[in-house]
């Protein structure tokens, strides 16, 4: 951990030096950084969906291993009360990923408008389409897990979750 902390400090120092020298980073750097943030968020969301599925499929009497250690995913050995919390965290991450996609769509629209004035415009929609498709794929996996866990979620939480799901999908489709 010390090595990681030292390397992180060195890299932050180098980044600060580059920013100080150039005053700004190239647009490709920011775009790549944004792509990495989105990919990381999507991977974290997929991991949460797998945790929810593992928690749902776990037999009721199964808990931590005989030696007291947990096996498998972080959800292994979790109490049933943790399922709603895990689902709510996953929905928050889904909404955050949706915001990233919508922000990217807005940037693309603005670049398209500026292209009318002669600015350079990258017409390739493949990365944006890939983002939307990956997000919708995870959306449907999470929605499926929520519907399968509807009895554990209760009559109060389920309608709120379904409303949030509908908002996510409708905003993606509309924009």
N, C-alpha and C. Protein backbone atom coordinates (compact mmCIF):
# COMPACT_ATOMS: atom_id res chain seq x y z
N UNK A 1 0.82 -1.20 0.00
CA UNK A 1 0.00 0.00 0.00
C UNK A 1 0.87 1.26 0.00
N UNK A 2 2.01 1.18 0.68
CA UNK A 2 2.91 2.33 0.67
C UNK A 2 3.44 2.59 -0.73
N UNK A 3 3.78 1.51 -1.44
CA UNK A 3 4.27 1.64 -2.80
C UNK A 3 3.21 2.32 -3.68
N UNK A 4 1.97 1.89 -3.53
CA UNK A 4 0.88 2.48 -4.31
C UNK A 4 0.74 3.96 -3.96
N UNK A 5 0.83 4.28 -2.66
CA UNK A 5 0.71 5.68 -2.24
C UNK A 5 1.85 6.52 -2.81
N UNK A 6 3.06 5.99 -2.82
CA UNK A 6 4.21 6.72 -3.36
C UNK A 6 4.04 6.93 -4.86
N UNK A 7 3.65 5.86 -5.57
CA UNK A 7 3.46 5.98 -7.02
C UNK A 7 2.35 6.97 -7.34
N UNK A 8 1.28 6.94 -6.56
CA UNK A 8 0.18 7.87 -6.79
C UNK A 8 0.65 9.30 -6.60
N UNK A 9 1.43 9.54 -5.54
CA UNK A 9 1.95 10.89 -5.28
C UNK A 9 2.86 11.35 -6.41
N UNK A 10 3.70 10.46 -6.91
CA UNK A 10 4.61 10.80 -8.01
C UNK A 10 3.81 11.14 -9.26
N UNK A 11 2.82 10.32 -9.57
CA UNK A 11 2.01 10.56 -10.77
C UNK A 11 1.21 11.85 -10.65
N UNK A 12 0.69 12.13 -9.47
CA UNK A 12 -0.04 13.39 -9.27
C UNK A 12 0.89 14.59 -9.43
N UNK A 13 2.13 14.43 -8.93
CA UNK A 13 3.11 15.49 -9.11
C UNK A 13 3.44 15.72 -10.57
N UNK A 14 3.60 14.65 -11.32
CA UNK A 14 3.88 14.77 -12.76
C UNK A 14 2.70 15.41 -13.49
N UNK A 15 1.49 15.01 -13.11
CA UNK A 15 0.30 15.59 -13.74
C UNK A 15 0.23 17.08 -13.45
N UNK A 16 0.53 17.47 -12.21
CA UNK A 16 0.52 18.89 -11.85
C UNK A 16 1.58 19.65 -12.64
N UNK A 17 2.75 19.03 -12.83
CA UNK A 17 3.82 19.68 -13.59
C UNK A 17 3.41 19.87 -15.05
N UNK A 18 2.78 18.86 -15.62
CA UNK A 18 2.33 18.95 -17.01
C UNK A 18 1.25 20.03 -17.13
N UNK A 19 0.32 20.05 -16.18
CA UNK A 19 -0.73 21.06 -16.22
C UNK A 19 -0.15 22.46 -16.07
N UNK A 20 0.84 22.59 -15.22
CA UNK A 20 1.47 23.89 -15.00
C UNK A 20 2.21 24.35 -16.26
N UNK A 21 2.86 23.39 -16.93
CA UNK A 21 3.63 23.73 -18.13
C UNK A 21 2.71 24.05 -19.31
N UNK A 22 1.70 23.20 -19.52
CA UNK A 22 0.85 23.35 -20.69
C UNK A 22 -0.44 24.12 -20.41
N UNK A 23 -0.74 24.35 -19.16
CA UNK A 23 -1.95 25.05 -18.73
C UNK A 23 -3.23 24.26 -18.98
N UNK A 24 -3.20 23.33 -19.85
CA UNK A 24 -4.36 22.47 -20.09
C UNK A 24 -3.90 21.19 -20.78
N UNK A 25 -4.72 20.19 -20.67
CA UNK A 25 -4.41 18.92 -21.32
C UNK A 25 -5.16 18.86 -22.64
N UNK A 26 -4.67 18.09 -23.57
CA UNK A 26 -5.36 17.98 -24.86
C UNK A 26 -6.75 17.35 -24.69
N UNK A 27 -7.61 17.67 -25.64
CA UNK A 27 -8.98 17.17 -25.60
C UNK A 27 -9.02 15.64 -25.60
N UNK A 28 -8.09 15.01 -26.32
CA UNK A 28 -8.08 13.55 -26.37
C UNK A 28 -7.83 12.95 -24.99
N UNK A 29 -7.02 13.63 -24.16
CA UNK A 29 -6.77 13.16 -22.80
C UNK A 29 -8.06 13.19 -21.99
N UNK A 30 -8.80 14.29 -22.08
CA UNK A 30 -10.06 14.41 -21.33
C UNK A 30 -11.09 13.38 -21.81
N UNK A 31 -11.12 13.17 -23.12
CA UNK A 31 -12.07 12.19 -23.66
C UNK A 31 -11.72 10.78 -23.18
N UNK A 32 -10.43 10.47 -23.18
CA UNK A 32 -9.98 9.15 -22.71
C UNK A 32 -10.27 8.98 -21.22
N UNK A 33 -10.04 10.03 -20.45
CA UNK A 33 -10.32 10.00 -19.02
C UNK A 33 -11.81 9.77 -18.77
N UNK A 34 -12.65 10.43 -19.55
CA UNK A 34 -14.09 10.25 -19.42
C UNK A 34 -14.51 8.82 -19.77
N UNK A 35 -13.91 8.27 -20.83
CA UNK A 35 -14.19 6.89 -21.21
C UNK A 35 -13.81 5.92 -20.11
N UNK A 36 -12.65 6.15 -19.48
CA UNK A 36 -12.21 5.27 -18.41
C UNK A 36 -13.13 5.36 -17.19
N UNK A 37 -13.58 6.57 -16.86
CA UNK A 37 -14.51 6.74 -15.75
C UNK A 37 -15.81 6.00 -16.02
N UNK A 38 -16.31 6.11 -17.25
CA UNK A 38 -17.55 5.42 -17.59
C UNK A 38 -17.37 3.92 -17.54
N UNK A 39 -16.26 3.42 -18.08
CA UNK A 39 -16.00 1.98 -18.06
C UNK A 39 -15.89 1.45 -16.64
N UNK A 40 -15.21 2.19 -15.79
CA UNK A 40 -15.08 1.79 -14.40
C UNK A 40 -16.44 1.77 -13.70
N UNK A 41 -17.24 2.79 -13.93
CA UNK A 41 -18.59 2.83 -13.34
C UNK A 41 -19.45 1.69 -13.83
N UNK A 42 -19.34 1.36 -15.10
CA UNK A 42 -20.12 0.27 -15.66
C UNK A 42 -19.67 -1.07 -15.09
N UNK A 43 -18.36 -1.26 -14.94
CA UNK A 43 -17.86 -2.50 -14.35
C UNK A 43 -18.30 -2.63 -12.90
N UNK A 44 -18.28 -1.52 -12.16
CA UNK A 44 -18.73 -1.53 -10.77
C UNK A 44 -20.21 -1.90 -10.71
N UNK A 45 -20.98 -1.36 -11.64
CA UNK A 45 -22.41 -1.65 -11.70
C UNK A 45 -22.66 -3.12 -12.03
N UNK A 46 -21.91 -3.67 -12.98
CA UNK A 46 -22.05 -5.09 -13.31
C UNK A 46 -21.68 -5.96 -12.12
N UNK A 47 -20.67 -5.55 -11.37
CA UNK A 47 -20.27 -6.29 -10.17
C UNK A 47 -21.40 -6.26 -9.13
N UNK A 48 -22.03 -5.12 -8.97
CA UNK A 48 -23.17 -5.02 -8.03
C UNK A 48 -24.30 -5.95 -8.45
N UNK A 49 -24.58 -6.00 -9.74
CA UNK A 49 -25.65 -6.88 -10.23
C UNK A 49 -25.31 -8.34 -9.91
N UNK A 50 -24.04 -8.72 -10.10
CA UNK A 50 -23.64 -10.09 -9.76
C UNK A 50 -23.75 -10.33 -8.25
N UNK A 51 -23.41 -9.33 -7.44
CA UNK A 51 -23.55 -9.46 -5.99
C UNK A 51 -25.01 -9.66 -5.60
N UNK A 52 -25.90 -8.90 -6.23
CA UNK A 52 -27.33 -9.03 -5.94
C UNK A 52 -27.81 -10.43 -6.31
N UNK A 53 -27.40 -10.89 -7.48
CA UNK A 53 -27.79 -12.23 -7.92
C UNK A 53 -27.25 -13.29 -6.97
N UNK A 54 -26.00 -13.15 -6.55
CA UNK A 54 -25.40 -14.13 -5.63
C UNK A 54 -26.12 -14.11 -4.28
N UNK A 55 -26.49 -12.93 -3.82
CA UNK A 55 -27.20 -12.82 -2.54
C UNK A 55 -28.59 -13.44 -2.63
N UNK A 56 -29.25 -13.25 -3.76
CA UNK A 56 -30.58 -13.83 -3.95
C UNK A 56 -30.53 -15.35 -4.04
N UNK A 57 -29.48 -15.87 -4.71
CA UNK A 57 -29.39 -17.31 -4.94
C UNK A 57 -28.80 -18.06 -3.75
N UNK A 58 -28.30 -17.33 -2.79
CA UNK A 58 -27.67 -17.94 -1.61
C UNK A 58 -28.75 -18.61 -0.75
N UNK A 59 -28.54 -19.87 -0.36
CA UNK A 59 -29.50 -20.52 0.52
C UNK A 59 -29.62 -19.76 1.84
N UNK A 60 -30.81 -19.78 2.41
CA UNK A 60 -31.11 -18.97 3.60
C UNK A 60 -30.20 -19.28 4.78
N UNK A 61 -29.86 -20.51 5.02
CA UNK A 61 -29.06 -20.87 6.18
C UNK A 61 -27.57 -20.68 5.98
N UNK A 62 -27.17 -20.37 4.75
CA UNK A 62 -25.75 -20.27 4.46
C UNK A 62 -25.23 -18.91 4.90
N UNK A 63 -24.13 -18.89 5.57
CA UNK A 63 -23.56 -17.64 6.05
C UNK A 63 -22.07 -17.69 5.83
N UNK A 64 -21.32 -17.04 6.71
CA UNK A 64 -19.87 -17.11 6.59
C UNK A 64 -19.38 -18.54 6.73
N UNK A 65 -18.20 -18.81 6.22
CA UNK A 65 -17.64 -20.16 6.27
C UNK A 65 -17.40 -20.61 7.70
N UNK A 66 -17.08 -21.90 7.87
CA UNK A 66 -16.86 -22.47 9.20
C UNK A 66 -15.79 -21.72 9.97
N UNK A 67 -14.77 -21.27 9.25
CA UNK A 67 -13.67 -20.58 9.93
C UNK A 67 -13.97 -19.10 10.16
N UNK A 68 -15.20 -18.66 9.85
CA UNK A 68 -15.60 -17.28 10.09
C UNK A 68 -15.31 -16.36 8.92
N UNK A 69 -14.60 -16.86 7.91
CA UNK A 69 -14.29 -16.00 6.77
C UNK A 69 -15.42 -16.08 5.76
N UNK A 70 -15.54 -15.01 5.00
CA UNK A 70 -16.56 -15.00 3.94
C UNK A 70 -15.97 -15.60 2.69
N UNK A 71 -16.80 -16.28 1.96
CA UNK A 71 -16.34 -16.89 0.71
C UNK A 71 -17.05 -16.22 -0.46
N UNK A 72 -16.40 -16.21 -1.60
CA UNK A 72 -17.00 -15.68 -2.82
C UNK A 72 -17.03 -14.17 -2.83
N UNK A 73 -18.16 -13.62 -3.27
CA UNK A 73 -18.28 -12.18 -3.41
C UNK A 73 -18.51 -11.52 -2.06
N UNK A 74 -18.43 -10.19 -2.03
CA UNK A 74 -18.68 -9.49 -0.78
C UNK A 74 -20.09 -9.72 -0.25
N UNK A 75 -21.01 -10.13 -1.13
CA UNK A 75 -22.37 -10.37 -0.69
C UNK A 75 -22.51 -11.72 0.01
N UNK A 76 -21.51 -12.59 -0.12
CA UNK A 76 -21.60 -13.90 0.49
C UNK A 76 -21.69 -13.74 2.00
N UNK A 77 -22.66 -14.40 2.59
CA UNK A 77 -22.83 -14.34 4.03
C UNK A 77 -23.57 -13.09 4.47
N UNK A 78 -24.08 -12.30 3.54
CA UNK A 78 -24.77 -11.08 3.89
C UNK A 78 -26.18 -11.38 4.39
N UNK A 79 -26.67 -10.55 5.25
CA UNK A 79 -28.01 -10.72 5.78
C UNK A 79 -29.04 -10.33 4.73
N UNK A 80 -30.26 -10.90 4.79
CA UNK A 80 -31.29 -10.56 3.81
C UNK A 80 -31.63 -9.06 3.82
N UNK A 81 -31.41 -8.38 4.94
CA UNK A 81 -31.71 -6.95 5.01
C UNK A 81 -30.75 -6.16 4.12
N UNK A 82 -29.64 -6.75 3.73
CA UNK A 82 -28.67 -6.05 2.89
C UNK A 82 -29.10 -6.00 1.43
N UNK A 83 -30.03 -6.84 1.02
CA UNK A 83 -30.46 -6.88 -0.37
C UNK A 83 -31.06 -5.54 -0.82
N UNK A 84 -32.00 -4.95 -0.07
CA UNK A 84 -32.52 -3.65 -0.51
C UNK A 84 -31.43 -2.58 -0.56
N UNK A 85 -30.52 -2.60 0.39
CA UNK A 85 -29.43 -1.62 0.40
C UNK A 85 -28.55 -1.79 -0.83
N UNK A 86 -28.22 -3.04 -1.15
CA UNK A 86 -27.39 -3.33 -2.31
C UNK A 86 -28.08 -2.89 -3.60
N UNK A 87 -29.38 -3.14 -3.68
CA UNK A 87 -30.14 -2.75 -4.88
C UNK A 87 -30.20 -1.23 -5.00
N UNK A 88 -30.42 -0.53 -3.88
CA UNK A 88 -30.47 0.93 -3.93
C UNK A 88 -29.12 1.52 -4.36
N UNK A 89 -28.03 0.94 -3.89
CA UNK A 89 -26.71 1.41 -4.32
C UNK A 89 -26.51 1.17 -5.81
N UNK A 90 -26.97 0.03 -6.30
CA UNK A 90 -26.83 -0.28 -7.72
C UNK A 90 -27.66 0.69 -8.57
N UNK A 91 -28.85 1.04 -8.10
CA UNK A 91 -29.70 1.98 -8.84
C UNK A 91 -29.05 3.36 -8.86
N UNK A 92 -28.42 3.76 -7.75
CA UNK A 92 -27.71 5.05 -7.73
C UNK A 92 -26.58 5.05 -8.75
N UNK A 93 -25.85 3.96 -8.83
CA UNK A 93 -24.75 3.86 -9.79
C UNK A 93 -25.27 3.84 -11.22
N UNK A 94 -26.43 3.20 -11.43
CA UNK A 94 -27.05 3.20 -12.75
C UNK A 94 -27.42 4.62 -13.16
N UNK A 95 -27.98 5.38 -12.22
CA UNK A 95 -28.36 6.76 -12.53
C UNK A 95 -27.12 7.63 -12.79
N UNK A 96 -26.04 7.38 -12.07
CA UNK A 96 -24.80 8.13 -12.31
C UNK A 96 -24.24 7.81 -13.70
N UNK A 97 -24.28 6.54 -14.09
CA UNK A 97 -23.81 6.15 -15.42
C UNK A 97 -24.70 6.77 -16.50
N UNK A 98 -25.99 6.81 -16.22
CA UNK A 98 -26.92 7.44 -17.18
C UNK A 98 -26.57 8.91 -17.35
N UNK A 99 -26.24 9.59 -16.26
CA UNK A 99 -25.88 11.01 -16.34
C UNK A 99 -24.62 11.20 -17.20
N UNK A 100 -23.67 10.28 -17.07
CA UNK A 100 -22.45 10.37 -17.88
C UNK A 100 -22.78 10.22 -19.36
N UNK A 101 -23.67 9.28 -19.67
CA UNK A 101 -24.06 9.07 -21.07
C UNK A 101 -24.80 10.30 -21.60
N UNK A 102 -25.71 10.84 -20.80
CA UNK A 102 -26.47 12.02 -21.24
C UNK A 102 -25.55 13.23 -21.43
N UNK A 103 -24.54 13.36 -20.56
CA UNK A 103 -23.58 14.44 -20.70
C UNK A 103 -22.82 14.30 -22.01
N UNK A 104 -22.41 13.08 -22.34
CA UNK A 104 -21.69 12.83 -23.58
C UNK A 104 -22.58 13.11 -24.79
N UNK A 105 -23.87 12.76 -24.70
CA UNK A 105 -24.80 13.03 -25.80
C UNK A 105 -24.94 14.54 -25.99
N UNK A 106 -25.02 15.27 -24.88
CA UNK A 106 -25.14 16.72 -24.95
C UNK A 106 -23.90 17.34 -25.59
N UNK A 107 -22.73 16.83 -25.24
CA UNK A 107 -21.49 17.32 -25.85
C UNK A 107 -21.50 17.05 -27.35
N UNK A 108 -21.95 15.86 -27.74
CA UNK A 108 -22.01 15.52 -29.16
C UNK A 108 -22.96 16.46 -29.90
N UNK A 109 -24.11 16.73 -29.28
CA UNK A 109 -25.07 17.65 -29.92
C UNK A 109 -24.47 19.04 -30.10
N UNK A 110 -23.75 19.51 -29.07
CA UNK A 110 -23.13 20.83 -29.15
C UNK A 110 -22.06 20.86 -30.23
N UNK A 111 -21.27 19.80 -30.33
CA UNK A 111 -20.25 19.74 -31.38
C UNK A 111 -20.89 19.75 -32.76
N UNK A 112 -22.03 19.10 -32.87
CA UNK A 112 -22.75 19.07 -34.15
C UNK A 112 -23.24 20.49 -34.51
N UNK A 113 -23.71 21.21 -33.49
CA UNK A 113 -24.15 22.59 -33.75
C UNK A 113 -22.97 23.47 -34.19
N UNK A 114 -21.83 23.32 -33.50
CA UNK A 114 -20.66 24.12 -33.83
C UNK A 114 -20.11 23.77 -35.20
N UNK A 115 -20.36 22.55 -35.66
CA UNK A 115 -19.89 22.14 -36.98
C UNK A 115 -20.55 22.97 -38.08
N UNK A 116 -21.75 23.46 -37.79
CA UNK A 116 -22.42 24.34 -38.75
C UNK A 116 -21.67 25.65 -38.95
N UNK A 117 -20.85 26.00 -37.97
CA UNK A 117 -20.04 27.23 -38.07
C UNK A 117 -18.62 26.95 -38.52
N UNK A 118 -18.35 25.72 -38.92
CA UNK A 118 -17.04 25.39 -39.46
C UNK A 118 -16.11 24.68 -38.50
N UNK A 119 -16.55 24.38 -37.30
CA UNK A 119 -15.70 23.66 -36.34
C UNK A 119 -15.55 22.21 -36.77
N UNK A 120 -14.45 21.59 -36.33
CA UNK A 120 -14.25 20.18 -36.61
C UNK A 120 -15.30 19.36 -35.88
N UNK A 121 -15.78 18.32 -36.53
CA UNK A 121 -16.84 17.50 -35.93
C UNK A 121 -16.58 16.05 -36.25
N UNK A 122 -16.52 15.22 -35.21
CA UNK A 122 -16.33 13.79 -35.39
C UNK A 122 -17.72 13.15 -35.46
N UNK A 123 -18.07 12.67 -36.63
CA UNK A 123 -19.41 12.16 -36.84
C UNK A 123 -19.59 10.71 -36.39
N UNK A 124 -18.54 10.08 -35.91
CA UNK A 124 -18.60 8.68 -35.52
C UNK A 124 -19.46 8.51 -34.26
N UNK A 125 -20.59 7.88 -34.41
CA UNK A 125 -21.49 7.65 -33.29
C UNK A 125 -21.27 6.29 -32.62
N UNK A 126 -20.35 5.50 -33.12
CA UNK A 126 -20.14 4.15 -32.58
C UNK A 126 -19.80 4.14 -31.09
N UNK A 127 -18.88 4.99 -30.59
CA UNK A 127 -18.59 4.95 -29.14
C UNK A 127 -19.79 5.34 -28.29
N UNK A 128 -20.55 6.31 -28.76
CA UNK A 128 -21.74 6.74 -28.03
C UNK A 128 -22.81 5.65 -28.04
N UNK A 129 -22.96 5.00 -29.18
CA UNK A 129 -23.92 3.91 -29.28
C UNK A 129 -23.50 2.75 -28.38
N UNK A 130 -22.21 2.45 -28.34
CA UNK A 130 -21.71 1.37 -27.50
C UNK A 130 -21.99 1.66 -26.03
N UNK A 131 -21.78 2.92 -25.62
CA UNK A 131 -22.08 3.32 -24.25
C UNK A 131 -23.54 3.08 -23.92
N UNK A 132 -24.41 3.55 -24.80
CA UNK A 132 -25.86 3.40 -24.57
C UNK A 132 -26.25 1.92 -24.50
N UNK A 133 -25.73 1.13 -25.42
CA UNK A 133 -26.07 -0.29 -25.43
C UNK A 133 -25.58 -1.00 -24.17
N UNK A 134 -24.37 -0.69 -23.72
CA UNK A 134 -23.86 -1.33 -22.50
C UNK A 134 -24.68 -0.93 -21.30
N UNK A 135 -25.05 0.34 -21.22
CA UNK A 135 -25.84 0.81 -20.09
C UNK A 135 -27.23 0.16 -20.09
N UNK A 136 -27.84 0.05 -21.25
CA UNK A 136 -29.16 -0.56 -21.32
C UNK A 136 -29.08 -2.05 -20.99
N UNK A 137 -28.01 -2.70 -21.40
CA UNK A 137 -27.83 -4.11 -21.06
C UNK A 137 -27.76 -4.31 -19.55
N UNK A 138 -26.97 -3.49 -18.87
CA UNK A 138 -26.87 -3.57 -17.41
C UNK A 138 -28.20 -3.18 -16.77
N UNK A 139 -28.87 -2.19 -17.36
CA UNK A 139 -30.18 -1.78 -16.88
C UNK A 139 -31.14 -2.97 -16.84
N UNK A 140 -31.20 -3.72 -17.93
CA UNK A 140 -32.12 -4.85 -17.99
C UNK A 140 -31.71 -5.97 -17.02
N UNK A 141 -30.42 -6.18 -16.84
CA UNK A 141 -29.98 -7.19 -15.86
C UNK A 141 -30.40 -6.78 -14.46
N UNK A 142 -30.19 -5.52 -14.12
CA UNK A 142 -30.56 -5.03 -12.79
C UNK A 142 -32.08 -5.05 -12.61
N UNK A 143 -32.80 -4.65 -13.64
CA UNK A 143 -34.26 -4.67 -13.57
C UNK A 143 -34.77 -6.09 -13.35
N UNK A 144 -34.16 -7.04 -14.03
CA UNK A 144 -34.54 -8.45 -13.87
C UNK A 144 -34.29 -8.91 -12.43
N UNK A 145 -33.17 -8.52 -11.84
CA UNK A 145 -32.87 -8.91 -10.46
C UNK A 145 -33.86 -8.25 -9.48
N UNK A 146 -34.22 -7.01 -9.75
CA UNK A 146 -35.18 -6.32 -8.88
C UNK A 146 -36.54 -7.00 -8.96
N UNK A 147 -36.96 -7.35 -10.15
CA UNK A 147 -38.27 -8.02 -10.30
C UNK A 147 -38.24 -9.39 -9.64
N UNK A 148 -37.13 -10.10 -9.72
CA UNK A 148 -37.02 -11.41 -9.09
C UNK A 148 -37.00 -11.28 -7.56
N UNK A 149 -36.52 -10.16 -7.07
CA UNK A 149 -36.45 -9.95 -5.62
C UNK A 149 -37.60 -9.10 -5.12
N UNK A 150 -38.66 -9.00 -5.90
CA UNK A 150 -39.77 -8.11 -5.54
C UNK A 150 -40.41 -8.46 -4.20
N UNK A 151 -40.46 -9.74 -3.86
CA UNK A 151 -41.08 -10.11 -2.58
C UNK A 151 -40.22 -9.67 -1.40
N UNK A 152 -38.90 -9.72 -1.56
CA UNK A 152 -38.02 -9.30 -0.47
C UNK A 152 -37.98 -7.78 -0.31
N UNK A 153 -38.31 -7.04 -1.37
CA UNK A 153 -38.21 -5.59 -1.33
C UNK A 153 -39.41 -4.93 -0.66
N UNK A 154 -40.55 -5.58 -0.71
CA UNK A 154 -41.72 -5.02 -0.06
C UNK A 154 -42.52 -4.12 -0.98
N UNK A 155 -43.75 -3.83 -0.52
CA UNK A 155 -44.69 -3.05 -1.34
C UNK A 155 -44.34 -1.57 -1.36
N UNK A 156 -43.51 -1.11 -0.45
CA UNK A 156 -43.17 0.30 -0.40
C UNK A 156 -42.00 0.65 -1.31
N UNK A 157 -40.97 -0.17 -1.29
CA UNK A 157 -39.74 0.12 -2.03
C UNK A 157 -39.85 -0.20 -3.52
N UNK A 158 -40.55 -1.27 -3.85
CA UNK A 158 -40.62 -1.72 -5.25
C UNK A 158 -41.19 -0.65 -6.19
N UNK A 159 -42.32 -0.02 -5.88
CA UNK A 159 -42.83 1.01 -6.81
C UNK A 159 -41.86 2.18 -7.01
N UNK A 160 -41.16 2.57 -5.94
CA UNK A 160 -40.18 3.66 -6.08
C UNK A 160 -39.04 3.24 -6.99
N UNK A 161 -38.57 2.00 -6.83
CA UNK A 161 -37.49 1.51 -7.69
C UNK A 161 -37.93 1.43 -9.15
N UNK A 162 -39.14 0.93 -9.37
CA UNK A 162 -39.64 0.82 -10.75
C UNK A 162 -39.80 2.20 -11.38
N UNK A 163 -40.19 3.18 -10.59
CA UNK A 163 -40.30 4.54 -11.10
C UNK A 163 -38.93 5.09 -11.50
N UNK A 164 -37.92 4.81 -10.67
CA UNK A 164 -36.56 5.25 -11.00
C UNK A 164 -36.05 4.55 -12.25
N UNK A 165 -36.37 3.26 -12.39
CA UNK A 165 -35.97 2.52 -13.59
C UNK A 165 -36.61 3.13 -14.83
N UNK A 166 -37.91 3.43 -14.75
CA UNK A 166 -38.61 4.01 -15.89
C UNK A 166 -38.02 5.37 -16.27
N UNK A 167 -37.63 6.14 -15.27
CA UNK A 167 -37.04 7.46 -15.53
C UNK A 167 -35.70 7.31 -16.26
N UNK A 168 -34.90 6.33 -15.84
CA UNK A 168 -33.60 6.10 -16.48
C UNK A 168 -33.79 5.74 -17.94
N UNK A 169 -34.65 4.78 -18.19
CA UNK A 169 -34.85 4.33 -19.58
C UNK A 169 -35.48 5.40 -20.44
N UNK A 170 -36.49 6.09 -19.92
CA UNK A 170 -37.16 7.10 -20.74
C UNK A 170 -36.23 8.27 -21.06
N UNK A 171 -35.39 8.68 -20.10
CA UNK A 171 -34.48 9.78 -20.40
C UNK A 171 -33.43 9.37 -21.44
N UNK A 172 -33.00 8.12 -21.40
CA UNK A 172 -32.05 7.67 -22.42
C UNK A 172 -32.69 7.62 -23.79
N UNK A 173 -33.93 7.14 -23.85
CA UNK A 173 -34.61 7.03 -25.15
C UNK A 173 -34.95 8.41 -25.71
N UNK A 174 -35.39 9.30 -24.84
CA UNK A 174 -35.81 10.64 -25.31
C UNK A 174 -34.64 11.48 -25.79
N UNK A 175 -33.48 11.31 -25.19
CA UNK A 175 -32.35 12.16 -25.56
C UNK A 175 -31.47 11.50 -26.58
